[in-house]
Amino acid sequence: MAAVVGSQDLRAPVVHALLTSAVAVCYYVSGQLGLLRELVVEGAVVTPIWPPTGVSVACLLLFGLRCWPGIALGAFFIILSLTSPSPSALGVLAGNTAAPVAGYLLLRRVGFRTDLARLRDGLALVFLGAFTAMLISSTVGAGLLLLTGRLAWEGFWAVWLAWWVGDAMGVLIVTPVLLLLARIRPPLRLTRWREATGLAVIVCCVVPFATHSRLSLLYLVYPLVIWAALRFQLAGGMVCALFASVMATVSATDRVGPFERLTRVEVLMKLQAFNGAMALTALILSAVITEQINTRRSVERACQELVEVLEHLTAGEAADGRAPPQEDGPGRRRDG
């Protein structure tokens, strides 16, 4: 018994170290992907979508607070790849770590469920996990740029807004997809695969055309996101929104299509409005449809149980009660 306890005590630090390393690697890789597409606002380089915030919130929701050192470690390596360590860089690291932790604590406080099967879960992720919690990282980051003299006061709010929206978009777009992937278990049920294949083909054709066309056809993406959310809920809606957001970000950073003749601030505003609309539409609509489906199934299950109870009661009365009355001739009855 003592040997078993000892082996478990030795295994716990190893598991924690592996979890921390895995979270740090995921954070770093997602950060490098986010840095592939950048925009310049008031002399500061910002990312329209910062995937590490979404990765951080998802890891915290799946593994708990024990994975926060991995978030801090991943943020540290991202900072090392961009600049040398300094007090301001460490402040940014603290803000980037505290923001997802605060989002996790807020979501846990309201009883958030990772299956996003209720409307309240979708709204909580939007307003608490994304909009509220990411105020910390954007305020700390932009504030340190201002205090160190690398940002003028006139450009503070533009940089702050770009930082906040980029972090919030990471939560809105990346976190639901990761939570969805974490719930996949084999074997996969390939229901409506013909419709899914047709939708995927249409999305792969329409979205690149809409995001790179000079005719400003971004609105063509909305029916596809709605279709995916209505028919395939979170799996369809969020994957479609993620693909559309990535394609729009590529178009915006390349200054082509609907973003060609816009200023840098206009590009950022138009891109973030599109990405936010895509994420909110897919997330909220998927949650509403999933909640309705679960409610209908619960009602059907309750009705079936009620029918079974009534059948059982009827069978019991027939077995324990008196035999039904029998006829004893014309117009006369004889009770058994």
Protein backbone atom coordinates (compact mmCIF):
# COMPACT_ATOMS: atom_id res chain seq x y z
CA MET A 1 0.00 0.00 0.00
CA ALA A 2 2.83 2.38 0.84
CA ALA A 3 4.52 1.59 -2.48
CA VAL A 4 1.34 2.44 -4.38
CA VAL A 5 0.98 5.75 -2.54
CA GLY A 6 4.64 6.52 -3.20
CA SER A 7 4.32 5.84 -6.93
CA GLN A 8 1.27 8.10 -7.12
CA ASP A 9 3.17 10.86 -5.31
CA LEU A 10 5.98 10.58 -7.84
CA ARG A 11 3.60 10.47 -10.79
CA ALA A 12 1.77 13.69 -9.91
CA PRO A 13 4.76 16.05 -10.48
CA VAL A 14 5.56 14.30 -13.75
CA VAL A 15 1.98 14.70 -14.98
CA HIS A 16 1.97 18.36 -13.92
CA ALA A 17 5.27 18.99 -15.71
CA LEU A 18 3.99 17.33 -18.89
CA LEU A 19 0.76 19.33 -18.75
CA THR A 20 2.66 22.57 -18.22
CA SER A 21 4.97 21.80 -21.12
CA ALA A 22 2.11 20.86 -23.43
CA VAL A 23 0.17 24.04 -22.63
CA ALA A 24 3.30 26.15 -23.14
CA VAL A 25 3.98 24.53 -26.51
CA CYS A 26 0.38 25.05 -27.64
CA TYR A 27 0.51 28.68 -26.50
CA TYR A 28 3.80 29.31 -28.30
CA VAL A 29 2.76 27.63 -31.54
CA SER A 30 -0.58 29.44 -31.63
CA GLY A 31 1.23 32.71 -30.89
CA GLN A 32 3.61 32.21 -33.79
CA LEU A 33 0.62 31.51 -36.05
CA GLY A 34 -1.04 34.71 -34.87
CA LEU A 35 2.13 36.72 -35.54
CA LEU A 36 2.07 35.65 -39.18
CA ARG A 37 -0.62 38.30 -39.79
CA GLU A 38 -0.10 41.70 -38.23
CA LEU A 39 -1.48 45.21 -38.55
CA VAL A 40 0.15 48.48 -37.52
CA VAL A 41 -1.96 50.89 -35.45
CA GLU A 42 -0.42 54.16 -34.27
CA GLY A 43 3.05 52.71 -34.68
CA ALA A 44 2.22 49.62 -32.59
CA VAL A 45 2.06 46.17 -34.14
CA VAL A 46 -1.15 44.28 -33.26
CA THR A 47 -2.66 40.99 -34.35
CA PRO A 48 -6.31 40.99 -35.52
CA ILE A 49 -6.79 37.59 -33.90
CA TRP A 50 -4.58 36.47 -31.00
CA PRO A 51 -5.07 32.68 -30.80
CA PRO A 52 -3.14 32.17 -27.51
CA THR A 53 -5.96 33.75 -25.52
CA GLY A 54 -8.38 31.18 -26.92
CA VAL A 55 -5.90 28.37 -26.25
CA SER A 56 -5.38 29.60 -22.68
CA VAL A 57 -9.07 29.83 -21.82
CA ALA A 58 -9.75 26.41 -23.36
CA CYS A 59 -6.88 24.79 -21.41
CA LEU A 60 -8.06 26.35 -18.16
CA LEU A 61 -11.62 25.15 -18.76
CA LEU A 62 -10.42 21.62 -19.56
CA PHE A 63 -7.62 21.17 -17.00
CA GLY A 64 -8.28 23.79 -14.33
CA LEU A 65 -6.01 26.37 -12.73
CA ARG A 66 -3.11 23.93 -12.48
CA CYS A 67 -2.18 24.73 -16.11
CA TRP A 68 -1.60 28.47 -15.58
CA PRO A 69 2.20 28.03 -15.33
CA GLY A 70 2.12 26.65 -18.88
CA ILE A 71 0.32 29.80 -20.03
CA ALA A 72 2.92 32.01 -18.36
CA LEU A 73 5.76 29.94 -19.79
CA GLY A 74 4.34 30.07 -23.31
CA ALA A 75 3.82 33.84 -23.05
CA PHE A 76 7.41 34.21 -21.86
CA PHE A 77 8.78 32.38 -24.90
CA ILE A 78 6.61 34.48 -27.20
CA ILE A 79 8.05 37.64 -25.64
CA LEU A 80 11.59 36.26 -26.00
CA SER A 81 10.96 35.70 -29.72
CA LEU A 82 9.97 39.36 -30.11
CA THR A 83 12.15 41.33 -27.71
CA SER A 84 14.58 41.03 -24.82
CA PRO A 85 13.28 40.60 -21.25
CA SER A 86 12.52 43.87 -19.49
CA PRO A 87 10.22 45.07 -16.71
CA SER A 88 7.62 46.17 -19.25
CA ALA A 89 7.84 42.80 -21.03
CA LEU A 90 7.29 41.02 -17.74
CA GLY A 91 4.28 43.26 -17.14
CA VAL A 92 2.83 42.23 -20.51
CA LEU A 93 3.49 38.60 -19.55
CA ALA A 94 1.59 39.09 -16.29
CA GLY A 95 -1.34 40.70 -18.11
CA ASN A 96 -1.47 37.97 -20.75
CA THR A 97 -1.52 35.35 -17.99
CA ALA A 98 -3.99 37.10 -15.70
CA ALA A 99 -6.58 37.77 -18.41
CA PRO A 100 -7.43 34.13 -19.29
CA VAL A 101 -7.23 33.14 -15.61
CA ALA A 102 -9.76 35.87 -14.78
CA GLY A 103 -11.94 34.68 -17.66
CA TYR A 104 -11.84 31.13 -16.34
CA LEU A 105 -12.75 32.23 -12.81
CA LEU A 106 -15.67 34.31 -14.11
CA LEU A 107 -16.96 31.45 -16.22
CA ARG A 108 -16.67 28.96 -13.38
CA ARG A 109 -18.53 31.33 -11.08
CA VAL A 110 -21.59 31.37 -13.38
CA GLY A 111 -21.62 27.59 -13.87
CA PHE A 112 -20.24 27.53 -17.41
CA ARG A 113 -20.45 24.16 -19.20
CA THR A 114 -17.84 23.30 -21.81
CA ASP A 115 -20.33 21.62 -24.15
CA LEU A 116 -21.84 25.07 -24.91
CA ALA A 117 -25.25 23.41 -25.07
CA ARG A 118 -27.08 26.31 -23.44
CA LEU A 119 -27.61 29.88 -24.53
CA ARG A 120 -26.32 31.10 -21.16
CA ASP A 121 -23.00 29.32 -21.83
CA GLY A 122 -22.58 31.10 -25.15
CA LEU A 123 -23.43 34.47 -23.63
CA ALA A 124 -21.08 33.84 -20.69
CA LEU A 125 -18.19 33.03 -23.01
CA VAL A 126 -18.85 36.18 -25.04
CA PHE A 127 -19.38 38.72 -22.28
CA LEU A 128 -17.28 37.25 -19.43
CA GLY A 129 -14.60 35.08 -21.01
CA ALA A 130 -13.92 37.41 -23.96
CA PHE A 131 -15.16 40.97 -23.51
CA THR A 132 -14.63 41.38 -19.76
CA ALA A 133 -11.54 39.28 -19.03
CA MET A 134 -9.54 40.57 -22.00
CA LEU A 135 -9.80 44.11 -20.62
CA ILE A 136 -6.94 43.12 -18.34
CA SER A 137 -4.42 42.20 -21.03
CA SER A 138 -5.29 45.13 -23.29
CA THR A 139 -5.16 47.68 -20.46
CA VAL A 140 -1.87 46.35 -19.11
CA GLY A 141 -0.28 46.08 -22.55
CA ALA A 142 -1.34 49.45 -23.91
CA GLY A 143 -0.70 51.11 -20.54
CA LEU A 144 2.89 49.83 -20.42
CA LEU A 145 3.52 51.06 -23.96
CA LEU A 146 2.30 54.46 -22.85
CA LEU A 147 4.35 54.52 -19.65
CA THR A 148 7.57 53.47 -21.39
CA GLY A 149 7.19 56.20 -24.01
CA ARG A 150 6.73 53.86 -26.97
CA LEU A 151 3.17 55.07 -27.48
CA ALA A 152 1.83 58.61 -27.53
CA TRP A 153 -1.27 59.45 -25.52
CA GLU A 154 -3.14 60.34 -28.72
CA GLY A 155 -2.80 56.78 -29.96
CA PHE A 156 -3.54 55.03 -26.66
CA TRP A 157 -7.20 54.28 -27.22
CA ALA A 158 -6.69 53.03 -30.79
CA VAL A 159 -3.99 50.61 -29.67
CA TRP A 160 -5.97 49.62 -26.58
CA LEU A 161 -9.04 48.86 -28.68
CA ALA A 162 -7.05 46.86 -31.24
CA TRP A 163 -5.34 44.88 -28.46
CA TRP A 164 -8.62 44.19 -26.67
CA VAL A 165 -10.50 43.13 -29.80
CA GLY A 166 -7.66 40.87 -30.96
CA ASP A 167 -7.55 39.07 -27.60
CA ALA A 168 -11.36 38.82 -27.45
CA MET A 169 -11.51 37.40 -30.98
CA GLY A 170 -9.05 34.70 -29.95
CA VAL A 171 -11.44 33.60 -27.20
CA LEU A 172 -14.58 33.83 -29.37
CA ILE A 173 -13.14 31.95 -32.34
CA VAL A 174 -10.51 29.56 -30.98
CA THR A 175 -11.90 28.48 -27.59
CA PRO A 176 -15.19 26.95 -28.89
CA VAL A 177 -13.32 24.99 -31.56
CA LEU A 178 -10.87 23.56 -29.02
CA LEU A 179 -13.67 22.68 -26.60
CA LEU A 180 -15.43 20.93 -29.47
CA LEU A 181 -12.30 18.95 -30.42
CA ALA A 182 -11.84 17.89 -26.79
CA ARG A 183 -15.30 16.27 -26.78
CA ILE A 184 -14.83 14.19 -29.94
CA ARG A 185 -14.84 10.49 -29.21
CA PRO A 186 -14.59 7.63 -31.73
CA PRO A 187 -16.41 6.25 -33.52
CA LEU A 188 -17.65 9.38 -35.28
CA ARG A 189 -21.27 9.39 -36.41
CA LEU A 190 -21.33 10.52 -40.02
CA THR A 191 -24.94 11.67 -40.15
CA ARG A 192 -25.90 14.03 -42.97
CA TRP A 193 -22.44 13.62 -44.47
CA ARG A 194 -23.71 14.45 -47.96
CA GLU A 195 -25.03 17.79 -46.77
CA ALA A 196 -21.84 18.42 -44.79
CA THR A 197 -19.71 17.70 -47.85
CA GLY A 198 -21.80 19.99 -50.02
CA LEU A 199 -21.63 22.76 -47.42
CA ALA A 200 -17.86 22.39 -47.11
CA VAL A 201 -17.41 22.63 -50.87
CA ILE A 202 -19.59 25.74 -51.07
CA VAL A 203 -17.78 27.38 -48.14
CA CYS A 204 -14.36 26.66 -49.65
CA CYS A 205 -15.48 28.28 -52.89
CA VAL A 206 -17.55 31.24 -51.68
CA VAL A 207 -15.53 32.42 -48.67
CA PRO A 208 -12.19 32.97 -50.48
CA PHE A 209 -14.02 34.72 -53.32
CA ALA A 210 -16.01 36.96 -50.95
CA THR A 211 -12.98 37.92 -48.85
CA HIS A 212 -10.76 38.71 -51.85
CA SER A 213 -13.26 40.32 -54.22
CA ARG A 214 -13.08 44.08 -54.77
CA LEU A 215 -16.88 44.18 -54.88
CA SER A 216 -17.08 43.94 -51.08
CA LEU A 217 -19.09 40.73 -50.94
CA LEU A 218 -18.38 39.79 -47.33
CA TYR A 219 -22.11 39.57 -46.64
CA LEU A 220 -22.22 36.38 -48.74
CA VAL A 221 -20.56 34.55 -45.85
CA TYR A 222 -23.38 35.12 -43.38
CA PRO A 223 -25.91 32.69 -44.95
CA LEU A 224 -23.25 29.97 -44.94
CA VAL A 225 -22.48 30.47 -41.25
CA ILE A 226 -26.20 30.43 -40.45
CA TRP A 227 -26.70 27.28 -42.52
CA ALA A 228 -23.79 25.55 -40.77
CA ALA A 229 -25.02 26.58 -37.30
CA LEU A 230 -28.63 25.54 -37.95
CA ARG A 231 -27.81 22.14 -39.38
CA PHE A 232 -24.59 21.17 -37.58
CA GLN A 233 -24.68 23.40 -34.48
CA LEU A 234 -21.32 24.20 -32.89
CA ALA A 235 -19.27 21.85 -35.06
CA GLY A 236 -20.49 23.44 -38.26
CA GLY A 237 -20.98 27.04 -37.19
CA MET A 238 -17.67 27.63 -35.41
CA VAL A 239 -15.54 25.82 -38.00
CA CYS A 240 -17.17 27.87 -40.75
CA ALA A 241 -16.67 31.08 -38.74
CA LEU A 242 -13.03 30.19 -38.06
CA PHE A 243 -12.34 29.61 -41.76
CA ALA A 244 -14.09 32.84 -42.74
CA SER A 245 -12.19 34.83 -40.11
CA VAL A 246 -8.84 33.42 -41.21
CA MET A 247 -9.53 34.20 -44.86
CA ALA A 248 -10.71 37.72 -44.01
CA THR A 249 -7.60 38.29 -41.87
CA VAL A 250 -5.35 37.20 -44.73
CA SER A 251 -7.15 39.55 -47.09
CA ALA A 252 -6.98 42.45 -44.62
CA THR A 253 -3.27 42.07 -43.86
CA ASP A 254 -2.51 41.81 -47.58
CA ARG A 255 -4.71 44.89 -48.22
CA VAL A 256 -6.62 43.22 -51.05
CA GLY A 257 -10.30 42.78 -51.90
CA PRO A 258 -12.69 44.80 -49.72
CA PHE A 259 -9.72 46.13 -47.69
CA GLU A 260 -7.72 47.47 -50.60
CA ARG A 261 -8.36 51.23 -50.47
CA LEU A 262 -8.87 51.63 -46.73
CA THR A 263 -6.62 53.23 -44.15
CA ARG A 264 -4.99 51.07 -41.49
CA VAL A 265 -7.55 52.02 -38.88
CA GLU A 266 -10.42 51.41 -41.32
CA VAL A 267 -8.97 48.02 -42.23
CA LEU A 268 -8.81 47.03 -38.57
CA MET A 269 -12.34 48.25 -37.83
CA LYS A 270 -13.87 46.52 -40.85
CA LEU A 271 -12.00 43.28 -40.20
CA GLN A 272 -12.85 43.13 -36.52
CA ALA A 273 -16.50 43.96 -37.18
CA PHE A 274 -16.65 41.07 -39.66
CA ASN A 275 -14.81 38.62 -37.39
CA GLY A 276 -16.92 39.58 -34.40
CA ALA A 277 -20.16 39.22 -36.33
CA MET A 278 -19.09 35.80 -37.63
CA ALA A 279 -18.10 34.52 -34.20
CA LEU A 280 -21.18 35.86 -32.41
CA THR A 281 -23.57 34.57 -35.07
CA ALA A 282 -22.07 31.09 -35.07
CA LEU A 283 -21.67 30.80 -31.30
CA ILE A 284 -25.02 32.20 -30.16
CA LEU A 285 -27.08 30.55 -32.91
CA SER A 286 -25.41 27.19 -32.32
CA ALA A 287 -26.10 27.43 -28.60
CA VAL A 288 -29.75 28.33 -29.18
CA ILE A 289 -30.31 25.45 -31.62
CA THR A 290 -28.51 22.96 -29.37
CA GLU A 291 -30.55 24.05 -26.37
CA GLN A 292 -33.79 23.65 -28.32
CA ILE A 293 -32.77 20.18 -29.51
CA ASN A 294 -31.89 19.10 -25.97
CA THR A 295 -35.18 20.50 -24.66
CA ARG A 296 -37.16 18.62 -27.29
CA ARG A 297 -35.32 15.40 -26.48
CA SER A 298 -36.01 15.87 -22.78
CA VAL A 299 -39.73 16.38 -23.46
CA GLU A 300 -39.83 13.30 -25.71
CA ARG A 301 -38.02 11.26 -23.06
CA ALA A 302 -40.44 12.43 -20.37
CA CYS A 303 -43.43 11.55 -22.57
CA GLN A 304 -42.01 8.10 -23.23
CA GLU A 305 -41.46 7.51 -19.52
CA LEU A 306 -45.02 8.67 -18.81
CA VAL A 307 -46.39 6.24 -21.41
CA GLU A 308 -44.38 3.40 -19.86
CA VAL A 309 -45.70 4.26 -16.38
CA LEU A 310 -49.30 4.32 -17.62
CA GLU A 311 -48.87 0.99 -19.40
CA HIS A 312 -47.41 -0.49 -16.23
CA LEU A 313 -50.30 0.80 -14.11
CA THR A 314 -52.86 -0.49 -16.61
CA ALA A 315 -51.24 -3.92 -16.66
CA GLY A 316 -51.19 -4.00 -12.85
CA GLU A 317 -54.89 -3.13 -12.56
CA ALA A 318 -55.80 -5.82 -15.08
CA ALA A 319 -53.87 -8.44 -13.12
CA ASP A 320 -55.05 -7.49 -9.62
CA GLY A 321 -58.60 -6.27 -10.28
CA ARG A 322 -61.83 -8.16 -10.92
CA ALA A 323 -62.49 -9.86 -14.21
CA PRO A 324 -64.51 -7.81 -16.65
CA PRO A 325 -68.33 -8.35 -16.52
CA GLN A 326 -69.82 -11.13 -18.71
CA GLU A 327 -73.19 -11.32 -20.44
CA ASP A 328 -75.69 -13.88 -19.00
CA GLY A 329 -78.22 -13.76 -21.72
CA PRO A 330 -80.22 -11.16 -23.63
CA GLY A 331 -80.39 -7.92 -21.60
CA ARG A 332 -78.92 -9.56 -18.48
CA ARG A 333 -75.49 -9.38 -16.97
CA ARG A 334 -73.74 -11.68 -14.58
CA ASP A 335 -70.89 -10.34 -12.51
CA GLY A 336 -67.94 -12.62 -12.16
